[in-house]
Protein backbone atom coordinates (compact mmCIF):
# COMPACT_ATOMS: atom_id res chain seq x y z
CA UNK A 1 8.14 -13.96 15.25
CA UNK A 2 6.35 -16.30 12.85
CA UNK A 3 5.83 -18.82 15.67
CA UNK A 4 4.26 -16.10 17.84
CA UNK A 5 2.05 -14.93 14.98
CA UNK A 6 0.79 -18.47 14.42
CA UNK A 7 0.23 -18.92 18.15
CA UNK A 8 -1.67 -15.62 18.37
CA UNK A 9 -3.41 -15.88 14.99
CA UNK A 10 -6.84 -15.66 16.66
CA UNK A 11 -5.82 -12.35 18.27
CA UNK A 12 -4.53 -11.09 14.92
CA UNK A 13 -7.85 -12.01 13.32
CA UNK A 14 -9.87 -10.34 16.10
CA UNK A 15 -7.84 -7.11 15.99
CA UNK A 16 -8.12 -7.01 12.19
CA UNK A 17 -11.89 -7.52 12.47
CA UNK A 18 -12.04 -4.81 15.14
CA UNK A 19 -10.19 -2.35 12.88
CA UNK A 20 -12.57 -3.10 10.00
CA UNK A 21 -15.67 -2.75 12.21
CA UNK A 22 -14.48 0.52 13.75
CA UNK A 23 -13.79 1.92 10.29
CA UNK A 24 -17.31 1.22 9.00
CA UNK A 25 -19.26 1.54 12.26
CA UNK A 26 -22.30 3.82 11.77
CA UNK A 27 -21.04 4.69 8.27
CA UNK A 28 -24.03 5.29 6.00
CA UNK A 29 -22.12 4.23 2.87
CA UNK A 30 -20.61 1.14 4.56
CA UNK A 31 -18.06 -0.71 2.43
CA UNK A 32 -18.48 1.86 -0.35
CA UNK A 33 -15.88 3.88 1.57
CA UNK A 34 -13.33 1.20 0.51
CA UNK A 35 -13.68 2.35 -3.09
CA UNK A 36 -14.52 6.02 -2.44
CA UNK A 37 -10.90 7.09 -1.85
CA UNK A 38 -9.58 5.26 -4.96
CA UNK A 39 -12.39 6.84 -7.01
CA UNK A 40 -11.39 10.32 -5.85
CA UNK A 41 -7.72 9.56 -6.59
CA UNK A 42 -8.62 8.31 -10.08
CA UNK A 43 -10.63 11.49 -10.76
CA UNK A 44 -7.64 13.57 -9.64
CA UNK A 45 -5.42 11.55 -11.97
CA UNK A 46 -7.82 12.03 -14.89
CA UNK A 47 -7.76 15.77 -14.21
CA UNK A 48 -3.95 15.74 -14.31
CA UNK A 49 -3.99 13.71 -17.54
CA UNK A 50 -6.46 16.13 -19.10
CA UNK A 51 -4.31 19.11 -18.11
CA UNK A 52 -1.23 17.46 -19.66
CA UNK A 53 -3.23 16.71 -22.84
CA UNK A 54 -4.40 20.33 -23.10
CA UNK A 55 -0.88 21.72 -22.57
CA UNK A 56 0.72 19.29 -25.06
CA UNK A 57 -2.08 19.68 -27.62
CA UNK A 58 -2.56 15.90 -27.79
CA UNK A 59 -5.80 14.00 -27.05
CA UNK A 60 -6.11 12.28 -23.68
CA UNK A 61 -5.44 8.56 -24.21
CA UNK A 62 -7.95 6.10 -22.74
CA UNK A 63 -5.24 3.55 -21.85
CA UNK A 64 -3.61 6.17 -19.64
CA UNK A 65 -6.83 6.60 -17.68
CA UNK A 66 -7.10 2.82 -17.21
CA UNK A 67 -3.48 2.71 -16.05
CA UNK A 68 -4.22 5.33 -13.39
CA UNK A 69 -7.20 3.32 -12.17
CA UNK A 70 -5.10 0.16 -11.90
CA UNK A 71 -2.19 1.85 -10.11
CA UNK A 72 -4.26 3.96 -7.71
CA UNK A 73 -5.63 0.96 -5.78
CA UNK A 74 -2.27 -0.49 -4.63
CA UNK A 75 -1.02 3.05 -3.95
CA UNK A 76 -4.08 3.71 -1.75
CA UNK A 77 -3.49 0.42 0.06
CA UNK A 78 0.12 1.40 0.72
CA UNK A 79 -0.55 4.88 2.14
CA UNK A 80 -3.60 3.78 4.17
CA UNK A 81 -1.67 0.91 5.72
CA UNK A 82 1.25 3.13 6.69
CA UNK A 83 -1.05 5.82 8.14
CA UNK A 84 -2.98 3.38 10.34
CA UNK A 85 0.07 1.30 11.30
CA UNK A 86 2.18 4.27 12.45
CA UNK A 87 -0.41 5.04 15.15
CA UNK A 88 -1.22 1.42 15.99
CA UNK A 89 1.06 1.12 19.06
CA UNK A 90 0.47 4.59 20.51
CA UNK A 91 -3.27 4.31 19.89
CA UNK A 92 -3.43 1.03 21.85
CA UNK A 93 -1.39 2.14 24.87
CA UNK A 94 -3.52 0.12 27.32
CA UNK A 95 -2.93 -3.10 25.41
CA UNK A 96 0.79 -2.40 25.01
CA UNK A 97 1.36 -1.73 28.73
CA UNK A 98 -1.06 -4.14 30.44
CA UNK A 99 -1.44 -7.25 28.30
CA UNK A 100 1.24 -9.69 27.15
CA UNK A 101 1.10 -10.63 23.48
CA UNK A 102 3.44 -10.14 20.50
CA UNK A 103 3.01 -6.42 19.83
CA UNK A 104 3.72 -6.81 16.09
CA UNK A 105 0.12 -8.02 15.88
CA UNK A 106 -1.03 -4.37 16.17
CA UNK A 107 0.68 -2.86 13.07
CA UNK A 108 0.12 -6.06 11.10
CA UNK A 109 -3.63 -6.06 11.88
CA UNK A 110 -3.79 -2.47 10.55
CA UNK A 111 -2.08 -3.59 7.33
CA UNK A 112 -4.38 -6.61 6.91
CA UNK A 113 -7.48 -4.45 7.50
CA UNK A 114 -6.32 -2.15 4.67
CA UNK A 115 -5.64 -5.22 2.53
CA UNK A 116 -9.33 -6.13 3.04
CA UNK A 117 -10.32 -2.70 1.66
CA UNK A 118 -7.87 -3.21 -1.23
CA UNK A 119 -9.50 -6.52 -2.14
CA UNK A 120 -13.01 -5.00 -2.11
CA UNK A 121 -11.86 -2.12 -4.31
CA UNK A 122 -9.99 -4.63 -6.51
CA UNK A 123 -13.18 -6.59 -7.13
CA UNK A 124 -14.99 -3.39 -8.13
CA UNK A 125 -12.09 -2.48 -10.45
CA UNK A 126 -12.13 -5.96 -12.02
CA UNK A 127 -15.79 -5.50 -12.97
CA UNK A 128 -14.96 -2.12 -14.50
CA UNK A 129 -12.03 -3.59 -16.49
CA UNK A 130 -14.31 -6.30 -17.88
CA UNK A 131 -16.88 -3.63 -18.79
CA UNK A 132 -14.29 -1.55 -20.73
CA UNK A 133 -12.90 -4.74 -22.36
CA UNK A 134 -9.30 -4.51 -21.14
CA UNK A 135 -9.02 -8.27 -21.58
CA UNK A 136 -6.86 -10.90 -19.88
CA UNK A 137 -3.51 -12.49 -20.67
CA UNK A 138 -1.16 -15.12 -19.25
CA UNK A 139 0.89 -12.28 -17.73
CA UNK A 140 -1.81 -11.89 -15.06
CA UNK A 141 -0.18 -14.84 -13.26
CA UNK A 142 2.50 -12.33 -12.20
CA UNK A 143 -0.07 -10.27 -10.30
CA UNK A 144 -0.19 -12.34 -7.04
CA UNK A 145 3.63 -12.25 -6.85
CA UNK A 146 3.73 -8.47 -7.32
CA UNK A 147 0.96 -7.94 -4.74
CA UNK A 148 2.84 -10.20 -2.29
CA UNK A 149 5.96 -8.04 -2.68
CA UNK A 150 3.87 -4.91 -2.06
CA UNK A 151 2.30 -6.41 1.09
CA UNK A 152 5.72 -7.47 2.43
CA UNK A 153 7.21 -4.04 1.77
CA UNK A 154 4.22 -2.33 3.40
CA UNK A 155 4.25 -4.68 6.41
CA UNK A 156 7.99 -4.14 6.90
CA UNK A 157 7.62 -0.36 6.84
CA UNK A 158 4.59 -0.62 9.14
CA UNK A 159 6.63 -2.51 11.75
CA UNK A 160 9.55 -0.13 11.44
CA UNK A 161 7.56 3.13 11.56
CA UNK A 162 5.12 2.07 14.28
CA UNK A 163 7.99 1.27 16.66
CA UNK A 164 9.85 4.46 15.68
CA UNK A 165 6.71 6.55 16.33
CA UNK A 166 6.45 5.11 19.83
CA UNK A 167 9.85 6.56 20.75
CA UNK A 168 9.75 9.69 18.57
CA UNK A 169 6.26 11.18 18.02
CA UNK A 170 7.62 13.40 15.23
CA UNK A 171 7.65 10.31 13.03
CA UNK A 172 3.90 10.44 12.33
CA UNK A 173 4.19 14.05 11.10
CA UNK A 174 7.16 13.23 8.88
CA UNK A 175 5.31 10.21 7.48
CA UNK A 176 2.20 12.32 6.77
CA UNK A 177 4.25 14.86 4.81
CA UNK A 178 6.03 12.14 2.82
CA UNK A 179 2.75 10.36 2.03
CA UNK A 180 1.03 13.61 1.05
CA UNK A 181 3.66 14.48 -1.57
CA UNK A 182 4.81 10.93 -2.33
CA UNK A 183 2.28 10.52 -5.12
CA UNK A 184 4.14 13.15 -7.17
CA UNK A 185 7.39 11.17 -6.91
CA UNK A 186 5.75 7.81 -7.62
CA UNK A 187 4.47 6.81 -11.10
CA UNK A 188 0.76 6.69 -10.21
CA UNK A 189 -0.67 9.45 -12.44
CA UNK A 190 1.98 9.01 -15.10
CA UNK A 191 4.35 6.39 -16.49
CA UNK A 192 8.00 6.40 -15.42
CA UNK A 193 9.08 6.16 -19.07
CA UNK A 194 8.05 9.79 -19.78
CA UNK A 195 11.08 10.89 -17.74
CA UNK A 196 13.50 9.24 -20.18
CA UNK A 197 16.94 8.69 -18.65
CA UNK A 198 15.58 9.79 -15.23
CA UNK A 199 13.17 6.83 -15.20
CA UNK A 200 15.56 4.78 -13.07
CA UNK A 201 15.39 7.35 -10.27
CA UNK A 202 11.60 6.88 -10.02
CA UNK A 203 11.88 3.10 -10.11
CA UNK A 204 14.38 3.05 -7.25
CA UNK A 205 11.25 3.58 -5.16
CA UNK A 206 10.11 -0.09 -4.77
CA UNK A 207 6.46 1.00 -4.78
CA UNK A 208 7.06 2.73 -8.13
CA UNK A 209 8.63 -0.43 -9.58
CA UNK A 210 5.73 -2.55 -8.36
CA UNK A 211 3.08 -0.14 -9.70
CA UNK A 212 4.74 -0.14 -13.11
CA UNK A 213 4.83 -3.95 -13.03
CA UNK A 214 1.11 -4.10 -12.17
CA UNK A 215 0.32 -1.76 -15.07
CA UNK A 216 2.35 -3.96 -17.44
CA UNK A 217 0.67 -7.24 -16.55
CA UNK A 218 -2.91 -5.92 -16.18
CA UNK A 219 -3.25 -3.16 -18.79
CA UNK A 220 -0.42 -3.63 -21.29
CA UNK A 221 -0.46 -7.46 -21.19
CA UNK A 222 3.33 -7.61 -21.00
CA UNK A 223 5.90 -9.32 -18.80
CA UNK A 224 7.19 -7.01 -16.07
CA UNK A 225 10.77 -5.73 -16.38
CA UNK A 226 12.73 -8.55 -14.72
CA UNK A 227 15.58 -6.42 -13.24
CA UNK A 228 13.18 -3.95 -11.61
CA UNK A 229 10.83 -6.67 -10.36
CA UNK A 230 13.76 -8.58 -8.83
CA UNK A 231 15.00 -5.34 -7.28
CA UNK A 232 11.54 -4.56 -5.86
CA UNK A 233 11.13 -8.12 -4.57
CA UNK A 234 14.54 -8.16 -2.90
CA UNK A 235 13.92 -4.71 -1.37
CA UNK A 236 10.51 -5.83 -0.09
CA UNK A 237 11.91 -8.94 1.58
CA UNK A 238 14.82 -6.98 3.06
CA UNK A 239 12.48 -4.24 4.36
CA UNK A 240 10.20 -6.83 5.95
CA UNK A 241 13.00 -8.65 7.77
CA UNK A 242 14.74 -5.43 8.85
CA UNK A 243 11.41 -4.02 10.08
CA UNK A 244 10.70 -7.24 11.98
CA UNK A 245 14.20 -7.34 13.50
CA UNK A 246 14.15 -3.71 14.69
CA UNK A 247 10.61 -4.09 16.05
CA UNK A 248 11.54 -7.16 18.10
CA UNK A 249 14.74 -5.55 19.35
CA UNK A 250 12.83 -2.51 20.68
CA UNK A 251 9.71 -4.34 21.91
CA UNK A 252 10.99 -4.82 25.54
CA UNK A 253 11.17 -1.01 25.87
CA UNK A 254 7.69 -0.22 24.51
CA UNK A 255 5.81 -0.21 27.82
CA UNK A 256 8.16 2.23 29.56
CA UNK A 257 8.35 4.66 26.63
CA UNK A 258 4.76 4.83 25.40
C-alpha cells in the first residue's frame, strides 16, 4: 500500500486539493469555515460548563473553558474526517469503476483535507492561547506524537468504514448516529477524572485518551499518562493496519458492488 501511495502521491495531492477547493468554492467566509465549527462547539461546551456551574453552585473555571477549546479542535477533525471518508468511495463511483488507481487514495484524501482545516483552526487557537497567556512547557514536544496517533486512528477508521459503506449503505447512517452522540461519551466538554472509578471506561475510547493527553500537555503543562498514551498509540497503529488490510482485501470487489 505504501508503495502505491508513494507512486500515486501526485493523485493524492490533487484529490486532497480538489476536496479543499470544493469545500470552500463560492463560500463567502472562505477559510473562516475551518474555524466556524470549532467555535460553535466551544460555545456549546461553555454553555454546558455554565449549566454545571449553576447546578453545583460553583463558579465556572477559566481553565475548563480553555480545555474545551483545546480538545474541540481534534474532536472536530476526527468527526469531519470520518463523515467525509465514509462517502468517499460511493461519492466517486465513476472513478472507482472506470479508472485504475489505488482506491485508498479517496478516503485518505478526505482525511488529509480535514487535517488541513485542523491546522488552520490550530493556528487560530494558538494565537488565542498566547493572548490568554496559557504559556508553553517542554511537555509540548509530546503534541506531534499525540496528533500522529490521532491521524493514524482516524485514517484507519476512514479506510475501514469507507469500504464497509460501499457494501452496506446502512453504515453511513450508523456512523452519523454514533458521531452525533459520541461527544457525550468522549471527554470533550468535561474531564474524564470527574467520573472517578468510571474514568477508565471513557479512556478505553482511544480518541478520549488522546484528547486527555492533549489537554495535559497544552493546558496543564504535564506529561500525559503513559499507560493510556501507550494504549491509544497501540490502538491507533492496530486500527490503521487492520483498516488498510480489510480495505485492500475488499478492493477487487468495489467496482461490481458500488
